[in-house]
Structures are given as structure tokens and as C-alpha cells.
Amino acid sequence: MANIRDLKKDINYVLGDIIEEVYVWELLNPKADTKKSEAIIDEAIEVFDDLIAKVNDRSVEDRAAQMKAVNKTLEDRGRKLIEKINKL
């Protein structure tokens, strides 16, 4: 298992890249309605907050299993957000 610092960096980079991609889409499509793209950004921020809270939760007995679950959640939710961007 990667250490917690690397997991936090991965969360930051993945969700930051997703938000950046939405901004690029908005720049390339200035006449498009931005309600859907803003919703994707809001969802990415919620995912970030949720995952960081789980990483920082030290009250869990099996910390390694929790970190693996956080990593899996990051992959799944990140993939879903990317699919939403592709549908814009």
C-alpha cells in the first residue's frame, strides 16, 4: 500500500485534473450552457472533501483496508466524472 501522503497527492491530482478539464471544455465551448459543467466541478469538490475526510479519519481499526477502499473509490468516482465530462 502506498503511504498516506501519496494517496492524498493522488486524490488532489486526479480531482484537480478533472476540474481543470472541465474549465478547458468551458473555454472551448463559450456558448454552451455551463450548468452541467459546474455541477461536475461541484461533485469533484464533494468527492475530494469526502475522500480526504476518510483518509484523515484515524478512528478506524483497519487503516490499511480503509486506504485501499479510498483508493478504489477515487478510481471509481474519477472514472464516473470523466465519463460525465465526455458527455458534455
PDB file of N, CA and C in Angstrom:
ATOM      1  N   MET A   1       0.839  -1.180   0.000  1.00  0.00           N
ATOM      2  CA  MET A   1       0.000   0.000   0.000  1.00  0.00           C
ATOM      3  C   MET A   1       0.886   1.247   0.000  1.00  0.00           C
ATOM      4  N   ALA A   2       0.501   2.210  -0.795  1.00  0.00           N
ATOM      5  CA  ALA A   2       1.211   3.483  -0.811  1.00  0.00           C
ATOM      6  C   ALA A   2       0.973   4.210   0.500  1.00  0.00           C
ATOM      7  N   ASN A   3       1.875   5.104   0.809  1.00  0.00           N
ATOM      8  CA  ASN A   3       1.675   5.807   2.074  1.00  0.00           C
ATOM      9  C   ASN A   3       0.571   6.862   1.941  1.00  0.00           C
ATOM     10  N   ILE A   4       0.171   7.367   3.066  1.00  0.00           N
ATOM     11  CA  ILE A   4      -0.972   8.283   3.115  1.00  0.00           C
ATOM     12  C   ILE A   4      -0.679   9.583   2.365  1.00  0.00           C
ATOM     13  N   ARG A   5       0.549  10.047   2.456  1.00  0.00           N
ATOM     14  CA  ARG A   5       0.910  11.281   1.759  1.00  0.00           C
ATOM     15  C   ARG A   5       0.721  11.120   0.251  1.00  0.00           C
ATOM     16  N   ASP A   6       1.159   9.983  -0.296  1.00  0.00           N
ATOM     17  CA  ASP A   6       0.993   9.734  -1.725  1.00  0.00           C
ATOM     18  C   ASP A   6      -0.478   9.601  -2.103  1.00  0.00           C
ATOM     19  N   LEU A   7      -1.260   8.987  -1.249  1.00  0.00           N
ATOM     20  CA  LEU A   7      -2.689   8.860  -1.514  1.00  0.00           C
ATOM     21  C   LEU A   7      -3.354  10.238  -1.549  1.00  0.00           C
ATOM     22  N   LYS A   8      -2.987  11.105  -0.625  1.00  0.00           N
ATOM     23  CA  LYS A   8      -3.538  12.468  -0.622  1.00  0.00           C
ATOM     24  C   LYS A   8      -3.136  13.207  -1.895  1.00  0.00           C
ATOM     25  N   LYS A   9      -1.896  13.025  -2.335  1.00  0.00           N
ATOM     26  CA  LYS A   9      -1.445  13.663  -3.570  1.00  0.00           C
ATOM     27  C   LYS A   9      -2.232  13.131  -4.768  1.00  0.00           C
ATOM     28  N   ASP A  10      -2.458  11.814  -4.792  1.00  0.00           N
ATOM     29  CA  ASP A  10      -3.231  11.230  -5.884  1.00  0.00           C
ATOM     30  C   ASP A  10      -4.644  11.801  -5.932  1.00  0.00           C
ATOM     31  N   ILE A  11      -5.263  11.912  -4.772  1.00  0.00           N
ATOM     32  CA  ILE A  11      -6.613  12.491  -4.707  1.00  0.00           C
ATOM     33  C   ILE A  11      -6.597  13.910  -5.259  1.00  0.00           C
ATOM     34  N   ASN A  12      -5.632  14.687  -4.829  1.00  0.00           N
ATOM     35  CA  ASN A  12      -5.527  16.074  -5.262  1.00  0.00           C
ATOM     36  C   ASN A  12      -5.282  16.168  -6.770  1.00  0.00           C
ATOM     37  N   TYR A  13      -4.354  15.369  -7.284  1.00  0.00           N
ATOM     38  CA  TYR A  13      -4.024  15.437  -8.705  1.00  0.00           C
ATOM     39  C   TYR A  13      -5.170  14.964  -9.589  1.00  0.00           C
ATOM     40  N   VAL A  14      -5.765  13.840  -9.248  1.00  0.00           N
ATOM     41  CA  VAL A  14      -6.839  13.291 -10.084  1.00  0.00           C
ATOM     42  C   VAL A  14      -8.028  14.249 -10.147  1.00  0.00           C
ATOM     43  N   LEU A  15      -8.480  14.686  -8.989  1.00  0.00           N
ATOM     44  CA  LEU A  15      -9.658  15.561  -8.987  1.00  0.00           C
ATOM     45  C   LEU A  15      -9.318  16.958  -9.501  1.00  0.00           C
ATOM     46  N   GLY A  16      -8.100  17.407  -9.265  1.00  0.00           N
ATOM     47  CA  GLY A  16      -7.662  18.691  -9.823  1.00  0.00           C
ATOM     48  C   GLY A  16      -7.618  18.648 -11.337  1.00  0.00           C
ATOM     49  N   ASP A  17      -7.133  17.544 -11.903  1.00  0.00           N
ATOM     50  CA  ASP A  17      -7.100  17.393 -13.353  1.00  0.00           C
ATOM     51  C   ASP A  17      -8.508  17.341 -13.941  1.00  0.00           C
ATOM     52  N   ILE A  18      -9.418  16.706 -13.236  1.00  0.00           N
ATOM     53  CA  ILE A  18     -10.806  16.642 -13.715  1.00  0.00           C
ATOM     54  C   ILE A  18     -11.417  18.042 -13.742  1.00  0.00           C
ATOM     55  N   ILE A  19     -11.200  18.808 -12.692  1.00  0.00           N
ATOM     56  CA  ILE A  19     -11.723  20.179 -12.651  1.00  0.00           C
ATOM     57  C   ILE A  19     -11.088  21.019 -13.747  1.00  0.00           C
ATOM     58  N   GLU A  20      -9.795  20.854 -13.941  1.00  0.00           N
ATOM     59  CA  GLU A  20      -9.103  21.598 -14.995  1.00  0.00           C
ATOM     60  C   GLU A  20      -9.660  21.244 -16.371  1.00  0.00           C
ATOM     61  N   GLU A  21      -9.965  19.981 -16.592  1.00  0.00           N
ATOM     62  CA  GLU A  21     -10.527  19.549 -17.868  1.00  0.00           C
ATOM     63  C   GLU A  21     -11.897  20.182 -18.108  1.00  0.00           C
ATOM     64  N   VAL A  22     -12.678  20.339 -17.062  1.00  0.00           N
ATOM     65  CA  VAL A  22     -13.977  20.998 -17.201  1.00  0.00           C
ATOM     66  C   VAL A  22     -13.780  22.461 -17.594  1.00  0.00           C
ATOM     67  N   TYR A  23     -12.800  23.125 -16.981  1.00  0.00           N
ATOM     68  CA  TYR A  23     -12.525  24.519 -17.340  1.00  0.00           C
ATOM     69  C   TYR A  23     -12.064  24.635 -18.790  1.00  0.00           C
ATOM     70  N   VAL A  24     -11.262  23.693 -19.253  1.00  0.00           N
ATOM     71  CA  VAL A  24     -10.825  23.699 -20.643  1.00  0.00           C
ATOM     72  C   VAL A  24     -12.033  23.539 -21.561  1.00  0.00           C
ATOM     73  N   TRP A  25     -12.929  22.607 -21.204  1.00  0.00           N
ATOM     74  CA  TRP A  25     -14.137  22.422 -22.005  1.00  0.00           C
ATOM     75  C   TRP A  25     -14.947  23.708 -22.068  1.00  0.00           C
ATOM     76  N   GLU A  26     -15.071  24.390 -20.928  1.00  0.00           N
ATOM     77  CA  GLU A  26     -15.831  25.643 -20.904  1.00  0.00           C
ATOM     78  C   GLU A  26     -15.185  26.701 -21.791  1.00  0.00           C
ATOM     79  N   LEU A  27     -13.852  26.743 -21.805  1.00  0.00           N
ATOM     80  CA  LEU A  27     -13.164  27.709 -22.664  1.00  0.00           C
ATOM     81  C   LEU A  27     -13.339  27.385 -24.142  1.00  0.00           C
ATOM     82  N   LEU A  28     -13.358  26.105 -24.464  1.00  0.00           N
ATOM     83  CA  LEU A  28     -13.510  25.697 -25.850  1.00  0.00           C
ATOM     84  C   LEU A  28     -14.948  25.789 -26.340  1.00  0.00           C
ATOM     85  N   ASN A  29     -15.890  25.861 -25.422  1.00  0.00           N
ATOM     86  CA  ASN A  29     -17.312  25.948 -25.762  1.00  0.00           C
ATOM     87  C   ASN A  29     -17.945  27.141 -25.047  1.00  0.00           C
ATOM     88  N   PRO A  30     -17.576  28.355 -25.446  1.00  0.00           N
ATOM     89  CA  PRO A  30     -18.050  29.536 -24.704  1.00  0.00           C
ATOM     90  C   PRO A  30     -19.558  29.771 -24.803  1.00  0.00           C
ATOM     91  N   LYS A  31     -20.193  29.249 -25.838  1.00  0.00           N
ATOM     92  CA  LYS A  31     -21.623  29.488 -25.990  1.00  0.00           C
ATOM     93  C   LYS A  31     -22.473  28.398 -25.330  1.00  0.00           C
ATOM     94  N   ALA A  32     -21.843  27.376 -24.847  1.00  0.00           N
ATOM     95  CA  ALA A  32     -22.574  26.259 -24.237  1.00  0.00           C
ATOM     96  C   ALA A  32     -23.037  26.640 -22.833  1.00  0.00           C
ATOM     97  N   ASP A  33     -24.112  25.994 -22.420  1.00  0.00           N
ATOM     98  CA  ASP A  33     -24.638  26.192 -21.072  1.00  0.00           C
ATOM     99  C   ASP A  33     -23.681  25.533 -20.074  1.00  0.00           C
ATOM    100  N   THR A  34     -23.317  26.257 -19.026  1.00  0.00           N
ATOM    101  CA  THR A  34     -22.309  25.746 -18.085  1.00  0.00           C
ATOM    102  C   THR A  34     -22.913  25.120 -16.834  1.00  0.00           C
ATOM    103  N   LYS A  35     -24.216  24.944 -16.794  1.00  0.00           N
ATOM    104  CA  LYS A  35     -24.827  24.358 -15.596  1.00  0.00           C
ATOM    105  C   LYS A  35     -24.334  22.938 -15.351  1.00  0.00           C
ATOM    106  N   LYS A  36     -24.244  22.130 -16.399  1.00  0.00           N
ATOM    107  CA  LYS A  36     -23.786  20.751 -16.239  1.00  0.00           C
ATOM    108  C   LYS A  36     -22.311  20.702 -15.859  1.00  0.00           C
ATOM    109  N   SER A  37     -21.520  21.562 -16.474  1.00  0.00           N
ATOM    110  CA  SER A  37     -20.088  21.558 -16.161  1.00  0.00           C
ATOM    111  C   SER A  37     -19.834  22.045 -14.738  1.00  0.00           C
ATOM    112  N   GLU A  38     -20.596  23.021 -14.290  1.00  0.00           N
ATOM    113  CA  GLU A  38     -20.458  23.496 -12.908  1.00  0.00           C
ATOM    114  C   GLU A  38     -20.873  22.413 -11.920  1.00  0.00           C
ATOM    115  N   ALA A  39     -21.864  21.611 -12.296  1.00  0.00           N
ATOM    116  CA  ALA A  39     -22.286  20.504 -11.439  1.00  0.00           C
ATOM    117  C   ALA A  39     -21.181  19.459 -11.317  1.00  0.00           C
ATOM    118  N   ILE A  40     -20.448  19.231 -12.398  1.00  0.00           N
ATOM    119  CA  ILE A  40     -19.330  18.287 -12.356  1.00  0.00           C
ATOM    120  C   ILE A  40     -18.235  18.805 -11.432  1.00  0.00           C
ATOM    121  N   ILE A  41     -17.952  20.091 -11.497  1.00  0.00           N
ATOM    122  CA  ILE A  41     -16.950  20.690 -10.611  1.00  0.00           C
ATOM    123  C   ILE A  41     -17.385  20.566  -9.158  1.00  0.00           C
ATOM    124  N   ASP A  42     -18.650  20.861  -8.892  1.00  0.00           N
ATOM    125  CA  ASP A  42     -19.166  20.734  -7.526  1.00  0.00           C
ATOM    126  C   ASP A  42     -19.062  19.301  -7.023  1.00  0.00           C
ATOM    127  N   GLU A  43     -19.378  18.351  -7.891  1.00  0.00           N
ATOM    128  CA  GLU A  43     -19.286  16.944  -7.496  1.00  0.00           C
ATOM    129  C   GLU A  43     -17.845  16.546  -7.223  1.00  0.00           C
ATOM    130  N   ALA A  44     -16.913  17.028  -8.039  1.00  0.00           N
ATOM    131  CA  ALA A  44     -15.499  16.724  -7.831  1.00  0.00           C
ATOM    132  C   ALA A  44     -15.018  17.279  -6.495  1.00  0.00           C
ATOM    133  N   ILE A  45     -15.472  18.447  -6.135  1.00  0.00           N
ATOM    134  CA  ILE A  45     -15.095  19.044  -4.848  1.00  0.00           C
ATOM    135  C   ILE A  45     -15.682  18.232  -3.698  1.00  0.00           C
ATOM    136  N   GLU A  46     -16.917  17.780  -3.848  1.00  0.00           N
ATOM    137  CA  GLU A  46     -17.532  16.939  -2.812  1.00  0.00           C
ATOM    138  C   GLU A  46     -16.779  15.623  -2.648  1.00  0.00           C
ATOM    139  N   VAL A  47     -16.378  15.013  -3.764  1.00  0.00           N
ATOM    140  CA  VAL A  47     -15.613  13.765  -3.714  1.00  0.00           C
ATOM    141  C   VAL A  47     -14.287  14.012  -3.010  1.00  0.00           C
ATOM    142  N   PHE A  48     -13.629  15.121  -3.341  1.00  0.00           N
ATOM    143  CA  PHE A  48     -12.360  15.460  -2.705  1.00  0.00           C
ATOM    144  C   PHE A  48     -12.529  15.585  -1.195  1.00  0.00           C
ATOM    145  N   ASP A  49     -13.519  16.352  -0.784  1.00  0.00           N
ATOM    146  CA  ASP A  49     -13.753  16.542   0.657  1.00  0.00           C
ATOM    147  C   ASP A  49     -14.046  15.221   1.359  1.00  0.00           C
ATOM    148  N   ASP A  50     -14.855  14.386   0.723  1.00  0.00           N
ATOM    149  CA  ASP A  50     -15.223  13.096   1.306  1.00  0.00           C
ATOM    150  C   ASP A  50     -14.002  12.186   1.449  1.00  0.00           C
ATOM    151  N   LEU A  51     -13.202  12.096   0.397  1.00  0.00           N
ATOM    152  CA  LEU A  51     -12.043  11.201   0.441  1.00  0.00           C
ATOM    153  C   LEU A  51     -10.974  11.682   1.415  1.00  0.00           C
ATOM    154  N   ILE A  52     -10.733  12.967   1.467  1.00  0.00           N
ATOM    155  CA  ILE A  52      -9.736  13.492   2.409  1.00  0.00           C
ATOM    156  C   ILE A  52     -10.206  13.264   3.842  1.00  0.00           C
ATOM    157  N   ALA A  53     -11.505  13.420   4.081  1.00  0.00           N
ATOM    158  CA  ALA A  53     -12.030  13.152   5.429  1.00  0.00           C
ATOM    159  C   ALA A  53     -11.825  11.692   5.806  1.00  0.00           C
ATOM    160  N   LYS A  54     -12.030  10.782   4.853  1.00  0.00           N
ATOM    161  CA  LYS A  54     -11.814   9.364   5.132  1.00  0.00           C
ATOM    162  C   LYS A  54     -10.344   9.053   5.377  1.00  0.00           C
ATOM    163  N   VAL A  55      -9.454   9.691   4.634  1.00  0.00           N
ATOM    164  CA  VAL A  55      -8.020   9.469   4.827  1.00  0.00           C
ATOM    165  C   VAL A  55      -7.583   9.977   6.200  1.00  0.00           C
ATOM    166  N   ASN A  56      -8.135  11.088   6.623  1.00  0.00           N
ATOM    167  CA  ASN A  56      -7.738  11.688   7.898  1.00  0.00           C
ATOM    168  C   ASN A  56      -8.427  11.057   9.108  1.00  0.00           C
ATOM    169  N   ASP A  57      -9.392  10.176   8.881  1.00  0.00           N
ATOM    170  CA  ASP A  57     -10.107   9.532   9.984  1.00  0.00           C
ATOM    171  C   ASP A  57      -9.221   8.456  10.610  1.00  0.00           C
ATOM    172  N   ARG A  58      -8.742   8.715  11.793  1.00  0.00           N
ATOM    173  CA  ARG A  58      -7.834   7.783  12.468  1.00  0.00           C
ATOM    174  C   ARG A  58      -8.563   6.836  13.423  1.00  0.00           C
ATOM    175  N   SER A  59      -9.867   6.944  13.516  1.00  0.00           N
ATOM    176  CA  SER A  59     -10.620   6.116  14.459  1.00  0.00           C
ATOM    177  C   SER A  59     -10.938   4.724  13.902  1.00  0.00           C
ATOM    178  N   VAL A  60     -10.532   4.448  12.677  1.00  0.00           N
ATOM    179  CA  VAL A  60     -10.813   3.166  12.050  1.00  0.00           C
ATOM    180  C   VAL A  60      -9.801   2.130  12.530  1.00  0.00           C
ATOM    181  N   GLU A  61     -10.271   0.919  12.773  1.00  0.00           N
ATOM    182  CA  GLU A  61      -9.390  -0.129  13.271  1.00  0.00           C
ATOM    183  C   GLU A  61      -8.427  -0.634  12.194  1.00  0.00           C
ATOM    184  N   ASP A  62      -8.936  -0.956  11.022  1.00  0.00           N
ATOM    185  CA  ASP A  62      -8.092  -1.475   9.946  1.00  0.00           C
ATOM    186  C   ASP A  62      -7.786  -0.354   8.957  1.00  0.00           C
ATOM    187  N   ARG A  63      -6.743   0.389   9.238  1.00  0.00           N
ATOM    188  CA  ARG A  63      -6.393   1.569   8.445  1.00  0.00           C
ATOM    189  C   ARG A  63      -5.986   1.183   7.020  1.00  0.00           C
ATOM    190  N   ALA A  64      -5.283   0.083   6.861  1.00  0.00           N
ATOM    191  CA  ALA A  64      -4.845  -0.331   5.530  1.00  0.00           C
ATOM    192  C   ALA A  64      -6.033  -0.637   4.631  1.00  0.00           C
ATOM    193  N   ALA A  65      -7.017  -1.315   5.155  1.00  0.00           N
ATOM    194  CA  ALA A  65      -8.214  -1.621   4.371  1.00  0.00           C
ATOM    195  C   ALA A  65      -8.961  -0.342   4.003  1.00  0.00           C
ATOM    196  N   GLN A  66      -8.977   0.608   4.926  1.00  0.00           N
ATOM    197  CA  GLN A  66      -9.655   1.875   4.644  1.00  0.00           C
ATOM    198  C   GLN A  66      -8.943   2.618   3.513  1.00  0.00           C
ATOM    199  N   MET A  67      -7.610   2.630   3.518  1.00  0.00           N
ATOM    200  CA  MET A  67      -6.865   3.332   2.478  1.00  0.00           C
ATOM    201  C   MET A  67      -7.072   2.667   1.119  1.00  0.00           C
ATOM    202  N   LYS A  68      -7.150   1.337   1.105  1.00  0.00           N
ATOM    203  CA  LYS A  68      -7.434   0.631  -0.144  1.00  0.00           C
ATOM    204  C   LYS A  68      -8.827   0.987  -0.648  1.00  0.00           C
ATOM    205  N   ALA A  69      -9.776   1.089   0.259  1.00  0.00           N
ATOM    206  CA  ALA A  69     -11.140   1.455  -0.120  1.00  0.00           C
ATOM    207  C   ALA A  69     -11.192   2.884  -0.656  1.00  0.00           C
ATOM    208  N   VAL A  70     -10.429   3.776  -0.046  1.00  0.00           N
ATOM    209  CA  VAL A  70     -10.374   5.166  -0.517  1.00  0.00           C
ATOM    210  C   VAL A  70      -9.786   5.204  -1.920  1.00  0.00           C
ATOM    211  N   ASN A  71      -8.732   4.442  -2.142  1.00  0.00           N
ATOM    212  CA  ASN A  71      -8.102   4.406  -3.462  1.00  0.00           C
ATOM    213  C   ASN A  71      -9.072   3.860  -4.510  1.00  0.00           C
ATOM    214  N   LYS A  72      -9.799   2.822  -4.161  1.00  0.00           N
ATOM    215  CA  LYS A  72     -10.791   2.237  -5.075  1.00  0.00           C
ATOM    216  C   LYS A  72     -11.908   3.239  -5.365  1.00  0.00           C
ATOM    217  N   THR A  73     -12.359   3.931  -4.335  1.00  0.00           N
ATOM    218  CA  THR A  73     -13.399   4.942  -4.506  1.00  0.00           C
ATOM    219  C   THR A  73     -12.917   6.064  -5.420  1.00  0.00           C
ATOM    220  N   LEU A  74     -11.662   6.466  -5.246  1.00  0.00           N
ATOM    221  CA  LEU A  74     -11.089   7.511  -6.100  1.00  0.00           C
ATOM    222  C   LEU A  74     -11.114   7.072  -7.556  1.00  0.00           C
ATOM    223  N   GLU A  75     -10.722   5.847  -7.826  1.00  0.00           N
ATOM    224  CA  GLU A  75     -10.734   5.346  -9.201  1.00  0.00           C
ATOM    225  C   GLU A  75     -12.151   5.321  -9.769  1.00  0.00           C
ATOM    226  N   ASP A  76     -13.090   4.799  -9.003  1.00  0.00           N
ATOM    227  CA  ASP A  76     -14.464   4.671  -9.483  1.00  0.00           C
ATOM    228  C   ASP A  76     -15.112   6.028  -9.716  1.00  0.00           C
ATOM    229  N   ARG A  77     -15.035   6.887  -8.725  1.00  0.00           N
ATOM    230  CA  ARG A  77     -15.682   8.202  -8.839  1.00  0.00           C
ATOM    231  C   ARG A  77     -14.988   9.065  -9.887  1.00  0.00           C
ATOM    232  N   GLY A  78     -13.662   8.935  -9.982  1.00  0.00           N
ATOM    233  CA  GLY A  78     -12.922   9.676 -11.005  1.00  0.00           C
ATOM    234  C   GLY A  78     -13.346   9.254 -12.401  1.00  0.00           C
ATOM    235  N   ARG A  79     -13.503   7.945 -12.606  1.00  0.00           N
ATOM    236  CA  ARG A  79     -13.945   7.435 -13.898  1.00  0.00           C
ATOM    237  C   ARG A  79     -15.344   7.961 -14.241  1.00  0.00           C
ATOM    238  N   LYS A  80     -16.231   7.991 -13.264  1.00  0.00           N
ATOM    239  CA  LYS A  80     -17.587   8.481 -13.500  1.00  0.00           C
ATOM    240  C   LYS A  80     -17.577   9.967 -13.867  1.00  0.00           C
ATOM    241  N   LEU A  81     -16.739  10.736 -13.193  1.00  0.00           N
ATOM    242  CA  LEU A  81     -16.649  12.161 -13.513  1.00  0.00           C
ATOM    243  C   LEU A  81     -16.093  12.372 -14.911  1.00  0.00           C
ATOM    244  N   ILE A  82     -15.112  11.572 -15.302  1.00  0.00           N
ATOM    245  CA  ILE A  82     -14.551  11.689 -16.649  1.00  0.00           C
ATOM    246  C   ILE A  82     -15.604  11.337 -17.692  1.00  0.00           C
ATOM    247  N   GLU A  83     -16.409  10.329 -17.415  1.00  0.00           N
ATOM    248  CA  GLU A  83     -17.498   9.979 -18.337  1.00  0.00           C
ATOM    249  C   GLU A  83     -18.476  11.121 -18.484  1.00  0.00           C
ATOM    250  N   LYS A  84     -18.767  11.806 -17.394  1.00  0.00           N
ATOM    251  CA  LYS A  84     -19.678  12.954 -17.443  1.00  0.00           C
ATOM    252  C   LYS A  84     -19.081  14.075 -18.288  1.00  0.00           C
ATOM    253  N   ILE A  85     -17.775  14.285 -18.158  1.00  0.00           N
ATOM    254  CA  ILE A  85     -17.118  15.316 -18.969  1.00  0.00           C
ATOM    255  C   ILE A  85     -17.211  14.949 -20.447  1.00  0.00           C
ATOM    256  N   ASN A  86     -16.998  13.690 -20.762  1.00  0.00           N
ATOM    257  CA  ASN A  86     -17.048  13.247 -22.163  1.00  0.00           C
ATOM    258  C   ASN A  86     -18.439  13.393 -22.757  1.00  0.00           C
ATOM    259  N   LYS A  87     -19.476  13.373 -21.925  1.00  0.00           N
ATOM    260  CA  LYS A  87     -20.849  13.511 -22.414  1.00  0.00           C
ATOM    261  C   LYS A  87     -21.251  14.967 -22.653  1.00  0.00           C
ATOM    262  N   LEU A  88     -20.445  15.900 -22.160  1.00  0.00           N
ATOM    263  CA  LEU A  88     -20.794  17.317 -22.318  1.00  0.00           C
ATOM    264  C   LEU A  88     -20.827  17.718 -23.771  1.00  0.00           C
TER     265      LEU A  88
END
